PDB file of N, CA and C in Angstrom:
ATOM      1  N   UNK A   1     -28.867 -22.678  16.493  1.00  0.00           N
ATOM      2  CA  UNK A   1     -28.487 -21.651  17.437  1.00  0.00           C
ATOM      3  C   UNK A   1     -29.658 -21.399  18.381  1.00  0.00           C
ATOM      4  N   UNK A   2     -29.360 -21.211  19.603  1.00  0.00           N
ATOM      5  CA  UNK A   2     -30.387 -20.974  20.600  1.00  0.00           C
ATOM      6  C   UNK A   2     -31.027 -19.604  20.374  1.00  0.00           C
ATOM      7  N   UNK A   3     -32.335 -19.498  20.658  1.00  0.00           N
ATOM      8  CA  UNK A   3     -33.052 -18.254  20.402  1.00  0.00           C
ATOM      9  C   UNK A   3     -32.457 -17.079  21.166  1.00  0.00           C
ATOM     10  N   UNK A   4     -32.088 -17.280  22.402  1.00  0.00           N
ATOM     11  CA  UNK A   4     -31.524 -16.178  23.196  1.00  0.00           C
ATOM     12  C   UNK A   4     -30.217 -15.679  22.600  1.00  0.00           C
ATOM     13  N   UNK A   5     -29.389 -16.602  22.161  1.00  0.00           N
ATOM     14  CA  UNK A   5     -28.115 -16.210  21.565  1.00  0.00           C
ATOM     15  C   UNK A   5     -28.347 -15.441  20.272  1.00  0.00           C
ATOM     16  N   UNK A   6     -29.307 -15.885  19.476  1.00  0.00           N
ATOM     17  CA  UNK A   6     -29.624 -15.194  18.235  1.00  0.00           C
ATOM     18  C   UNK A   6     -30.185 -13.812  18.515  1.00  0.00           C
ATOM     19  N   UNK A   7     -31.083 -13.706  19.480  1.00  0.00           N
ATOM     20  CA  UNK A   7     -31.678 -12.417  19.831  1.00  0.00           C
ATOM     21  C   UNK A   7     -30.641 -11.470  20.426  1.00  0.00           C
ATOM     22  N   UNK A   8     -29.644 -12.007  21.107  1.00  0.00           N
ATOM     23  CA  UNK A   8     -28.615 -11.162  21.712  1.00  0.00           C
ATOM     24  C   UNK A   8     -27.714 -10.528  20.667  1.00  0.00           C
ATOM     25  N   UNK A   9     -27.592 -11.138  19.506  1.00  0.00           N
ATOM     26  CA  UNK A   9     -26.747 -10.595  18.451  1.00  0.00           C
ATOM     27  C   UNK A   9     -27.284  -9.270  17.932  1.00  0.00           C
ATOM     28  N   UNK A  10     -28.582  -9.120  17.910  1.00  0.00           N
ATOM     29  CA  UNK A  10     -29.198  -7.905  17.396  1.00  0.00           C
ATOM     30  C   UNK A  10     -30.528  -7.689  18.097  1.00  0.00           C
ATOM     31  N   UNK A  11     -30.751  -6.494  18.621  1.00  0.00           N
ATOM     32  CA  UNK A  11     -32.048  -6.237  19.258  1.00  0.00           C
ATOM     33  C   UNK A  11     -33.202  -6.363  18.271  1.00  0.00           C
ATOM     34  N   UNK A  12     -32.946  -6.050  17.016  1.00  0.00           N
ATOM     35  CA  UNK A  12     -33.997  -6.170  16.005  1.00  0.00           C
ATOM     36  C   UNK A  12     -34.368  -7.623  15.756  1.00  0.00           C
ATOM     37  N   UNK A  13     -33.387  -8.512  15.780  1.00  0.00           N
ATOM     38  CA  UNK A  13     -33.668  -9.932  15.610  1.00  0.00           C
ATOM     39  C   UNK A  13     -34.563 -10.425  16.735  1.00  0.00           C
ATOM     40  N   UNK A  14     -34.253 -10.028  17.951  1.00  0.00           N
ATOM     41  CA  UNK A  14     -35.077 -10.414  19.093  1.00  0.00           C
ATOM     42  C   UNK A  14     -36.493  -9.886  18.976  1.00  0.00           C
ATOM     43  N   UNK A  15     -36.634  -8.650  18.493  1.00  0.00           N
ATOM     44  CA  UNK A  15     -37.969  -8.058  18.337  1.00  0.00           C
ATOM     45  C   UNK A  15     -38.796  -8.825  17.315  1.00  0.00           C
ATOM     46  N   UNK A  16     -38.181  -9.202  16.207  1.00  0.00           N
ATOM     47  CA  UNK A  16     -38.903  -9.969  15.184  1.00  0.00           C
ATOM     48  C   UNK A  16     -39.285 -11.336  15.729  1.00  0.00           C
ATOM     49  N   UNK A  17     -38.393 -11.959  16.475  1.00  0.00           N
ATOM     50  CA  UNK A  17     -38.692 -13.271  17.048  1.00  0.00           C
ATOM     51  C   UNK A  17     -39.832 -13.197  18.055  1.00  0.00           C
ATOM     52  N   UNK A  18     -39.985 -12.040  18.692  1.00  0.00           N
ATOM     53  CA  UNK A  18     -41.086 -11.851  19.644  1.00  0.00           C
ATOM     54  C   UNK A  18     -42.374 -11.402  18.963  1.00  0.00           C
ATOM     55  N   UNK A  19     -42.355 -11.212  17.650  1.00  0.00           N
ATOM     56  CA  UNK A  19     -43.578 -10.879  16.924  1.00  0.00           C
ATOM     57  C   UNK A  19     -43.825  -9.400  16.733  1.00  0.00           C
ATOM     58  N   UNK A  20     -42.769  -8.618  16.601  1.00  0.00           N
ATOM     59  CA  UNK A  20     -42.930  -7.175  16.416  1.00  0.00           C
ATOM     60  C   UNK A  20     -43.762  -6.845  15.182  1.00  0.00           C
ATOM     61  N   UNK A  21     -43.714  -7.705  14.182  1.00  0.00           N
ATOM     62  CA  UNK A  21     -44.441  -7.478  12.933  1.00  0.00           C
ATOM     63  C   UNK A  21     -45.949  -7.492  13.140  1.00  0.00           C
ATOM     64  N   UNK A  22     -46.426  -8.103  14.202  1.00  0.00           N
ATOM     65  CA  UNK A  22     -47.875  -8.143  14.457  1.00  0.00           C
ATOM     66  C   UNK A  22     -48.424  -6.779  14.840  1.00  0.00           C
ATOM     67  N   UNK A  23     -47.605  -5.960  15.465  1.00  0.00           N
ATOM     68  CA  UNK A  23     -48.071  -4.666  15.973  1.00  0.00           C
ATOM     69  C   UNK A  23     -47.785  -3.507  15.028  1.00  0.00           C
ATOM     70  N   UNK A  24     -47.126  -3.749  13.935  1.00  0.00           N
ATOM     71  CA  UNK A  24     -46.742  -2.670  13.029  1.00  0.00           C
ATOM     72  C   UNK A  24     -47.810  -2.420  11.970  1.00  0.00           C
ATOM     73  N   UNK A  25     -47.838  -1.182  11.507  1.00  0.00           N
ATOM     74  CA  UNK A  25     -48.676  -0.857  10.351  1.00  0.00           C
ATOM     75  C   UNK A  25     -47.823  -1.037   9.097  1.00  0.00           C
ATOM     76  N   UNK A  26     -48.447  -1.009   7.959  1.00  0.00           N
ATOM     77  CA  UNK A  26     -47.718  -1.177   6.705  1.00  0.00           C
ATOM     78  C   UNK A  26     -46.629  -0.115   6.549  1.00  0.00           C
ATOM     79  N   UNK A  27     -46.924   1.096   6.972  1.00  0.00           N
ATOM     80  CA  UNK A  27     -45.970   2.196   6.818  1.00  0.00           C
ATOM     81  C   UNK A  27     -44.754   2.073   7.728  1.00  0.00           C
ATOM     82  N   UNK A  28     -44.822   1.219   8.715  1.00  0.00           N
ATOM     83  CA  UNK A  28     -43.698   1.031   9.634  1.00  0.00           C
ATOM     84  C   UNK A  28     -42.739  -0.062   9.174  1.00  0.00           C
ATOM     85  N   UNK A  29     -43.079  -0.755   8.115  1.00  0.00           N
ATOM     86  CA  UNK A  29     -42.225  -1.838   7.634  1.00  0.00           C
ATOM     87  C   UNK A  29     -41.048  -1.266   6.856  1.00  0.00           C
ATOM     88  N   UNK A  30     -39.872  -1.831   7.089  1.00  0.00           N
ATOM     89  CA  UNK A  30     -38.684  -1.394   6.372  1.00  0.00           C
ATOM     90  C   UNK A  30     -38.362  -2.326   5.221  1.00  0.00           C
ATOM     91  N   UNK A  31     -37.360  -1.936   4.425  1.00  0.00           N
ATOM     92  CA  UNK A  31     -36.941  -2.758   3.292  1.00  0.00           C
ATOM     93  C   UNK A  31     -35.429  -2.755   3.115  1.00  0.00           C
ATOM     94  N   UNK A  32     -34.718  -2.318   4.124  1.00  0.00           N
ATOM     95  CA  UNK A  32     -33.292  -2.102   3.908  1.00  0.00           C
ATOM     96  C   UNK A  32     -32.431  -3.352   4.081  1.00  0.00           C
ATOM     97  N   UNK A  33     -32.705  -4.179   5.063  1.00  0.00           N
ATOM     98  CA  UNK A  33     -31.851  -5.349   5.263  1.00  0.00           C
ATOM     99  C   UNK A  33     -32.684  -6.628   5.293  1.00  0.00           C
ATOM    100  N   UNK A  34     -32.004  -7.745   5.462  1.00  0.00           N
ATOM    101  CA  UNK A  34     -32.688  -9.043   5.394  1.00  0.00           C
ATOM    102  C   UNK A  34     -33.744  -9.188   6.479  1.00  0.00           C
ATOM    103  N   UNK A  35     -33.514  -8.595   7.639  1.00  0.00           N
ATOM    104  CA  UNK A  35     -34.474  -8.705   8.731  1.00  0.00           C
ATOM    105  C   UNK A  35     -35.758  -7.939   8.409  1.00  0.00           C
ATOM    106  N   UNK A  36     -35.624  -6.789   7.749  1.00  0.00           N
ATOM    107  CA  UNK A  36     -36.802  -6.039   7.304  1.00  0.00           C
ATOM    108  C   UNK A  36     -37.612  -6.845   6.292  1.00  0.00           C
ATOM    109  N   UNK A  37     -36.916  -7.546   5.423  1.00  0.00           N
ATOM    110  CA  UNK A  37     -37.584  -8.373   4.413  1.00  0.00           C
ATOM    111  C   UNK A  37     -38.371  -9.494   5.083  1.00  0.00           C
ATOM    112  N   UNK A  38     -37.756 -10.176   6.034  1.00  0.00           N
ATOM    113  CA  UNK A  38     -38.442 -11.252   6.758  1.00  0.00           C
ATOM    114  C   UNK A  38     -39.633 -10.697   7.523  1.00  0.00           C
ATOM    115  N   UNK A  39     -39.446  -9.561   8.175  1.00  0.00           N
ATOM    116  CA  UNK A  39     -40.527  -8.951   8.942  1.00  0.00           C
ATOM    117  C   UNK A  39     -41.697  -8.562   8.034  1.00  0.00           C
ATOM    118  N   UNK A  40     -41.420  -7.996   6.862  1.00  0.00           N
ATOM    119  CA  UNK A  40     -42.479  -7.609   5.929  1.00  0.00           C
ATOM    120  C   UNK A  40     -43.223  -8.837   5.403  1.00  0.00           C
ATOM    121  N   UNK A  41     -42.496  -9.917   5.122  1.00  0.00           N
ATOM    122  CA  UNK A  41     -43.146 -11.145   4.652  1.00  0.00           C
ATOM    123  C   UNK A  41     -44.030 -11.743   5.743  1.00  0.00           C
ATOM    124  N   UNK A  42     -43.552 -11.745   6.975  1.00  0.00           N
ATOM    125  CA  UNK A  42     -44.364 -12.234   8.097  1.00  0.00           C
ATOM    126  C   UNK A  42     -45.599 -11.356   8.303  1.00  0.00           C
ATOM    127  N   UNK A  43     -45.435 -10.044   8.170  1.00  0.00           N
ATOM    128  CA  UNK A  43     -46.560  -9.117   8.312  1.00  0.00           C
ATOM    129  C   UNK A  43     -47.634  -9.427   7.265  1.00  0.00           C
ATOM    130  N   UNK A  44     -47.196  -9.619   6.048  1.00  0.00           N
ATOM    131  CA  UNK A  44     -48.124  -9.918   4.954  1.00  0.00           C
ATOM    132  C   UNK A  44     -48.846 -11.240   5.209  1.00  0.00           C
ATOM    133  N   UNK A  45     -48.123 -12.237   5.655  1.00  0.00           N
ATOM    134  CA  UNK A  45     -48.720 -13.532   5.964  1.00  0.00           C
ATOM    135  C   UNK A  45     -49.720 -13.404   7.108  1.00  0.00           C
ATOM    136  N   UNK A  46     -49.384 -12.644   8.133  1.00  0.00           N
ATOM    137  CA  UNK A  46     -50.234 -12.460   9.310  1.00  0.00           C
ATOM    138  C   UNK A  46     -51.532 -11.740   8.955  1.00  0.00           C
ATOM    139  N   UNK A  47     -51.476 -10.818   8.008  1.00  0.00           N
ATOM    140  CA  UNK A  47     -52.638  -9.999   7.667  1.00  0.00           C
ATOM    141  C   UNK A  47     -53.442 -10.546   6.492  1.00  0.00           C
ATOM    142  N   UNK A  48     -53.240 -11.774   6.116  1.00  0.00           N
ATOM    143  CA  UNK A  48     -54.016 -12.376   5.029  1.00  0.00           C
ATOM    144  C   UNK A  48     -54.537 -13.740   5.468  1.00  0.00           C
ATOM    145  N   UNK A  49     -55.657 -14.129   4.870  1.00  0.00           N
ATOM    146  CA  UNK A  49     -56.281 -15.406   5.219  1.00  0.00           C
ATOM    147  C   UNK A  49     -56.065 -16.480   4.168  1.00  0.00           C
ATOM    148  N   UNK A  50     -55.693 -16.078   2.975  1.00  0.00           N
ATOM    149  CA  UNK A  50     -55.473 -17.035   1.896  1.00  0.00           C
ATOM    150  C   UNK A  50     -54.198 -16.658   1.150  1.00  0.00           C
ATOM    151  N   UNK A  51     -53.717 -17.575   0.359  1.00  0.00           N
ATOM    152  CA  UNK A  51     -52.543 -17.316  -0.463  1.00  0.00           C
ATOM    153  C   UNK A  51     -52.808 -16.149  -1.404  1.00  0.00           C
ATOM    154  N   UNK A  52     -53.973 -16.123  -1.999  1.00  0.00           N
ATOM    155  CA  UNK A  52     -54.335 -15.059  -2.940  1.00  0.00           C
ATOM    156  C   UNK A  52     -54.425 -13.698  -2.249  1.00  0.00           C
ATOM    157  N   UNK A  53     -54.994 -13.652  -1.037  1.00  0.00           N
ATOM    158  CA  UNK A  53     -55.059 -12.387  -0.290  1.00  0.00           C
ATOM    159  C   UNK A  53     -53.657 -11.862   0.019  1.00  0.00           C
ATOM    160  N   UNK A  54     -52.785 -12.752   0.393  1.00  0.00           N
ATOM    161  CA  UNK A  54     -51.409 -12.353   0.680  1.00  0.00           C
ATOM    162  C   UNK A  54     -50.696 -11.823  -0.543  1.00  0.00           C
ATOM    163  N   UNK A  55     -50.932 -12.447  -1.684  1.00  0.00           N
ATOM    164  CA  UNK A  55     -50.339 -11.964  -2.924  1.00  0.00           C
ATOM    165  C   UNK A  55     -50.862 -10.574  -3.264  1.00  0.00           C
ATOM    166  N   UNK A  56     -52.140 -10.329  -2.995  1.00  0.00           N
ATOM    167  CA  UNK A  56     -52.713  -9.005  -3.241  1.00  0.00           C
ATOM    168  C   UNK A  56     -52.058  -7.968  -2.331  1.00  0.00           C
ATOM    169  N   UNK A  57     -51.840  -8.320  -1.072  1.00  0.00           N
ATOM    170  CA  UNK A  57     -51.155  -7.399  -0.158  1.00  0.00           C
ATOM    171  C   UNK A  57     -49.746  -7.088  -0.646  1.00  0.00           C
ATOM    172  N   UNK A  58     -49.069  -8.103  -1.115  1.00  0.00           N
ATOM    173  CA  UNK A  58     -47.717  -7.890  -1.625  1.00  0.00           C
ATOM    174  C   UNK A  58     -47.720  -6.896  -2.771  1.00  0.00           C
ATOM    175  N   UNK A  59     -48.629  -7.086  -3.698  1.00  0.00           N
ATOM    176  CA  UNK A  59     -48.661  -6.238  -4.882  1.00  0.00           C
ATOM    177  C   UNK A  59     -49.120  -4.824  -4.614  1.00  0.00           C
ATOM    178  N   UNK A  60     -50.169  -4.681  -3.838  1.00  0.00           N
ATOM    179  CA  UNK A  60     -50.776  -3.368  -3.629  1.00  0.00           C
ATOM    180  C   UNK A  60     -50.083  -2.585  -2.521  1.00  0.00           C
ATOM    181  N   UNK A  61     -49.823  -3.228  -1.410  1.00  0.00           N
ATOM    182  CA  UNK A  61     -49.324  -2.500  -0.254  1.00  0.00           C
ATOM    183  C   UNK A  61     -47.807  -2.420  -0.169  1.00  0.00           C
ATOM    184  N   UNK A  62     -47.127  -3.465  -0.546  1.00  0.00           N
ATOM    185  CA  UNK A  62     -45.682  -3.504  -0.340  1.00  0.00           C
ATOM    186  C   UNK A  62     -44.879  -3.213  -1.594  1.00  0.00           C
ATOM    187  N   UNK A  63     -45.521  -3.103  -2.730  1.00  0.00           N
ATOM    188  CA  UNK A  63     -44.788  -2.830  -3.950  1.00  0.00           C
ATOM    189  C   UNK A  63     -44.176  -4.082  -4.539  1.00  0.00           C
ATOM    190  N   UNK A  64     -43.199  -3.895  -5.355  1.00  0.00           N
ATOM    191  CA  UNK A  64     -42.640  -5.008  -6.114  1.00  0.00           C
ATOM    192  C   UNK A  64     -41.264  -5.428  -5.604  1.00  0.00           C
ATOM    193  N   UNK A  65     -41.062  -5.426  -4.303  1.00  0.00           N
ATOM    194  CA  UNK A  65     -39.782  -5.865  -3.751  1.00  0.00           C
ATOM    195  C   UNK A  65     -39.706  -7.384  -3.867  1.00  0.00           C
ATOM    196  N   UNK A  66     -38.896  -7.850  -4.782  1.00  0.00           N
ATOM    197  CA  UNK A  66     -38.834  -9.276  -5.095  1.00  0.00           C
ATOM    198  C   UNK A  66     -38.361 -10.093  -3.894  1.00  0.00           C
ATOM    199  N   UNK A  67     -37.536  -9.509  -3.034  1.00  0.00           N
ATOM    200  CA  UNK A  67     -37.051 -10.248  -1.863  1.00  0.00           C
ATOM    201  C   UNK A  67     -38.199 -10.597  -0.926  1.00  0.00           C
ATOM    202  N   UNK A  68     -39.111  -9.643  -0.710  1.00  0.00           N
ATOM    203  CA  UNK A  68     -40.261  -9.892   0.154  1.00  0.00           C
ATOM    204  C   UNK A  68     -41.172 -10.927  -0.487  1.00  0.00           C
ATOM    205  N   UNK A  69     -41.358 -10.827  -1.795  1.00  0.00           N
ATOM    206  CA  UNK A  69     -42.198 -11.799  -2.509  1.00  0.00           C
ATOM    207  C   UNK A  69     -41.646 -13.212  -2.378  1.00  0.00           C
ATOM    208  N   UNK A  70     -40.342 -13.353  -2.470  1.00  0.00           N
ATOM    209  CA  UNK A  70     -39.724 -14.683  -2.375  1.00  0.00           C
ATOM    210  C   UNK A  70     -39.917 -15.273  -0.980  1.00  0.00           C
ATOM    211  N   UNK A  71     -39.647 -14.488   0.051  1.00  0.00           N
ATOM    212  CA  UNK A  71     -39.789 -14.998   1.423  1.00  0.00           C
ATOM    213  C   UNK A  71     -41.253 -15.305   1.719  1.00  0.00           C
ATOM    214  N   UNK A  72     -42.158 -14.405   1.310  1.00  0.00           N
ATOM    215  CA  UNK A  72     -43.583 -14.663   1.519  1.00  0.00           C
ATOM    216  C   UNK A  72     -44.012 -15.927   0.769  1.00  0.00           C
ATOM    217  N   UNK A  73     -43.558 -16.093  -0.448  1.00  0.00           N
ATOM    218  CA  UNK A  73     -43.925 -17.263  -1.242  1.00  0.00           C
ATOM    219  C   UNK A  73     -43.507 -18.564  -0.585  1.00  0.00           C
ATOM    220  N   UNK A  74     -42.320 -18.584  -0.008  1.00  0.00           N
ATOM    221  CA  UNK A  74     -41.872 -19.799   0.684  1.00  0.00           C
ATOM    222  C   UNK A  74     -42.709 -20.068   1.928  1.00  0.00           C
ATOM    223  N   UNK A  75     -42.956 -19.032   2.700  1.00  0.00           N
ATOM    224  CA  UNK A  75     -43.727 -19.179   3.934  1.00  0.00           C
ATOM    225  C   UNK A  75     -45.172 -19.570   3.648  1.00  0.00           C
ATOM    226  N   UNK A  76     -45.830 -18.820   2.788  1.00  0.00           N
ATOM    227  CA  UNK A  76     -47.237 -19.085   2.484  1.00  0.00           C
ATOM    228  C   UNK A  76     -47.401 -20.393   1.722  1.00  0.00           C
ATOM    229  N   UNK A  77     -46.478 -20.690   0.831  1.00  0.00           N
ATOM    230  CA  UNK A  77     -46.550 -21.947   0.098  1.00  0.00           C
ATOM    231  C   UNK A  77     -46.468 -23.141   1.028  1.00  0.00           C
ATOM    232  N   UNK A  78     -45.572 -23.071   1.993  1.00  0.00           N
ATOM    233  CA  UNK A  78     -45.456 -24.162   2.964  1.00  0.00           C
ATOM    234  C   UNK A  78     -46.722 -24.291   3.801  1.00  0.00           C
ATOM    235  N   UNK A  79     -47.344 -23.174   4.135  1.00  0.00           N
ATOM    236  CA  UNK A  79     -48.535 -23.203   4.986  1.00  0.00           C
ATOM    237  C   UNK A  79     -49.786 -23.607   4.208  1.00  0.00           C
ATOM    238  N   UNK A  80     -50.056 -22.931   3.102  1.00  0.00           N
ATOM    239  CA  UNK A  80     -51.308 -23.147   2.385  1.00  0.00           C
ATOM    240  C   UNK A  80     -51.297 -24.374   1.479  1.00  0.00           C
ATOM    241  N   UNK A  81     -50.135 -24.761   1.002  1.00  0.00           N
ATOM    242  CA  UNK A  81     -50.081 -25.856   0.037  1.00  0.00           C
ATOM    243  C   UNK A  81     -49.597 -27.169   0.639  1.00  0.00           C
ATOM    244  N   UNK A  82     -49.356 -27.210   1.923  1.00  0.00           N
ATOM    245  CA  UNK A  82     -48.813 -28.410   2.563  1.00  0.00           C
ATOM    246  C   UNK A  82     -49.749 -29.604   2.465  1.00  0.00           C
ATOM    247  N   UNK A  83     -51.047 -29.368   2.388  1.00  0.00           N
ATOM    248  CA  UNK A  83     -51.980 -30.488   2.348  1.00  0.00           C
ATOM    249  C   UNK A  83     -52.464 -30.812   0.934  1.00  0.00           C
ATOM    250  N   UNK A  84     -51.848 -30.226  -0.055  1.00  0.00           N
ATOM    251  CA  UNK A  84     -52.260 -30.480  -1.430  1.00  0.00           C
ATOM    252  C   UNK A  84     -51.840 -31.885  -1.865  1.00  0.00           C
ATOM    253  N   UNK A  85     -52.632 -32.492  -2.723  1.00  0.00           N
ATOM    254  CA  UNK A  85     -52.361 -33.848  -3.197  1.00  0.00           C
ATOM    255  C   UNK A  85     -51.028 -33.962  -3.925  1.00  0.00           C
ATOM    256  N   UNK A  86     -50.614 -32.893  -4.610  1.00  0.00           N
ATOM    257  CA  UNK A  86     -49.373 -32.961  -5.370  1.00  0.00           C
ATOM    258  C   UNK A  86     -48.174 -33.243  -4.469  1.00  0.00           C
ATOM    259  N   UNK A  87     -48.235 -32.783  -3.242  1.00  0.00           N
ATOM    260  CA  UNK A  87     -47.118 -33.008  -2.339  1.00  0.00           C
ATOM    261  C   UNK A  87     -47.101 -34.425  -1.782  1.00  0.00           C
ATOM    262  N   UNK A  88     -48.260 -35.046  -1.725  1.00  0.00           N
ATOM    263  CA  UNK A  88     -48.348 -36.399  -1.178  1.00  0.00           C
ATOM    264  C   UNK A  88     -48.272 -37.470  -2.264  1.00  0.00           C
ATOM    265  N   UNK A  89     -48.583 -37.107  -3.486  1.00  0.00           N
ATOM    266  CA  UNK A  89     -48.572 -38.050  -4.602  1.00  0.00           C
ATOM    267  C   UNK A  89     -47.664 -37.521  -5.703  1.00  0.00           C
ATOM    268  N   UNK A  90     -46.371 -37.768  -5.606  1.00  0.00           N
ATOM    269  CA  UNK A  90     -45.459 -37.247  -6.627  1.00  0.00           C
ATOM    270  C   UNK A  90     -45.780 -37.822  -8.000  1.00  0.00           C
ATOM    271  N   UNK A  91     -45.389 -37.088  -9.030  1.00  0.00           N
ATOM    272  CA  UNK A  91     -45.660 -37.510 -10.403  1.00  0.00           C
ATOM    273  C   UNK A  91     -44.882 -38.763 -10.780  1.00  0.00           C
ATOM    274  N   UNK A  92     -43.738 -38.968 -10.178  1.00  0.00           N
ATOM    275  CA  UNK A  92     -42.917 -40.132 -10.487  1.00  0.00           C
ATOM    276  C   UNK A  92     -43.491 -41.345  -9.766  1.00  0.00           C
ATOM    277  N   UNK A  93     -43.778 -42.388 -10.517  1.00  0.00           N
ATOM    278  CA  UNK A  93     -44.293 -43.619  -9.923  1.00  0.00           C
ATOM    279  C   UNK A  93     -43.323 -44.753 -10.193  1.00  0.00           C
ATOM    280  N   UNK A  94     -43.402 -45.779  -9.401  1.00  0.00           N
ATOM    281  CA  UNK A  94     -42.511 -46.937  -9.576  1.00  0.00           C
ATOM    282  C   UNK A  94     -43.018 -47.849 -10.645  1.00  0.00           C
TER     283      UNK A  94
END
Protein backbone atom coordinates (compact mmCIF):
# COMPACT_ATOMS: atom_id res chain seq x y z
CA UNK A 1 0.00 0.00 0.00
CA UNK A 2 1.27 3.43 -0.83
CA UNK A 3 2.36 5.57 2.14
CA UNK A 4 -0.04 8.40 1.32
CA UNK A 5 -2.99 6.05 1.11
CA UNK A 6 -2.04 4.46 4.43
CA UNK A 7 -1.57 7.84 6.10
CA UNK A 8 -4.92 9.04 4.73
CA UNK A 9 -6.74 6.21 6.50
CA UNK A 10 -5.80 7.60 9.90
CA UNK A 11 -4.11 10.84 10.91
CA UNK A 12 -2.33 8.94 13.66
CA UNK A 13 -0.85 6.50 11.16
CA UNK A 14 0.52 9.40 9.15
CA UNK A 15 1.99 10.98 12.28
CA UNK A 16 3.80 7.78 13.23
CA UNK A 17 5.11 7.39 9.69
CA UNK A 18 6.48 10.93 9.91
CA UNK A 19 8.31 10.10 13.15
CA UNK A 20 6.02 11.50 15.83
CA UNK A 21 7.60 9.08 18.32
CA UNK A 22 10.90 10.98 18.11
CA UNK A 23 9.40 14.10 19.67
CA UNK A 24 7.38 12.46 22.43
CA UNK A 25 8.32 11.95 26.04
CA UNK A 26 7.73 8.62 27.75
CA UNK A 27 4.60 9.98 29.43
CA UNK A 28 3.06 10.85 26.07
CA UNK A 29 3.16 7.28 24.79
CA UNK A 30 -0.14 5.43 24.64
CA UNK A 31 -0.96 1.75 24.99
CA UNK A 32 -4.50 1.45 23.79
CA UNK A 33 -4.30 0.31 20.17
CA UNK A 34 -1.84 -1.32 17.79
CA UNK A 35 -0.51 2.03 16.58
CA UNK A 36 0.34 3.07 20.15
CA UNK A 37 2.21 -0.20 20.59
CA UNK A 38 4.24 0.35 17.41
CA UNK A 39 4.94 3.94 18.40
CA UNK A 40 6.13 2.92 21.89
CA UNK A 41 8.41 0.22 20.44
CA UNK A 42 9.89 2.71 17.97
CA UNK A 43 10.37 5.24 20.79
CA UNK A 44 12.22 2.66 22.86
CA UNK A 45 14.41 1.69 19.91
CA UNK A 46 15.15 5.36 19.11
CA UNK A 47 16.17 6.15 22.70
CA UNK A 48 18.58 3.23 23.16
CA UNK A 49 21.99 2.45 21.71
CA UNK A 50 22.13 -1.28 22.35
CA UNK A 51 19.74 -4.19 22.59
CA UNK A 52 20.34 -4.35 26.34
CA UNK A 53 19.66 -0.61 26.82
CA UNK A 54 16.39 -0.97 24.96
CA UNK A 55 15.37 -3.92 27.10
CA UNK A 56 16.09 -1.83 30.20
CA UNK A 57 13.87 0.97 28.86
CA UNK A 58 11.11 -1.52 28.23
CA UNK A 59 11.26 -2.88 31.74
CA UNK A 60 11.75 0.30 33.71
CA UNK A 61 9.97 2.96 31.71
CA UNK A 62 7.22 1.22 29.79
CA UNK A 63 6.22 -1.52 32.19
CA UNK A 64 5.40 -5.06 31.26
CA UNK A 65 3.21 -4.56 28.19
CA UNK A 66 4.01 -7.74 26.30
CA UNK A 67 2.79 -6.29 22.99
CA UNK A 68 5.40 -3.52 23.11
CA UNK A 69 8.08 -6.03 24.11
CA UNK A 70 7.24 -8.25 21.14
CA UNK A 71 7.34 -5.43 18.58
CA UNK A 72 10.53 -4.00 20.08
CA UNK A 73 12.13 -7.45 20.10
CA UNK A 74 11.44 -7.95 16.40
CA UNK A 75 12.70 -4.49 15.47
CA UNK A 76 15.80 -4.49 17.66
CA UNK A 77 16.60 -8.11 16.90
CA UNK A 78 16.59 -7.40 13.18
CA UNK A 79 18.80 -4.35 13.68
CA UNK A 80 21.30 -5.49 16.31
CA UNK A 81 21.55 -9.17 15.44
CA UNK A 82 21.55 -8.96 11.64
CA UNK A 83 25.32 -9.27 11.42
CA UNK A 84 25.68 -12.13 13.88
CA UNK A 85 27.39 -15.30 12.65
CA UNK A 86 24.40 -17.45 13.58
CA UNK A 87 22.34 -15.81 10.87
CA UNK A 88 24.98 -16.34 8.20
CA UNK A 89 26.05 -19.84 9.25
CA UNK A 90 22.98 -21.96 9.98
CA UNK A 91 23.39 -25.00 12.22
CA UNK A 92 22.20 -27.33 9.47
CA UNK A 93 25.03 -28.34 7.16
CA UNK A 94 25.00 -30.41 4.00
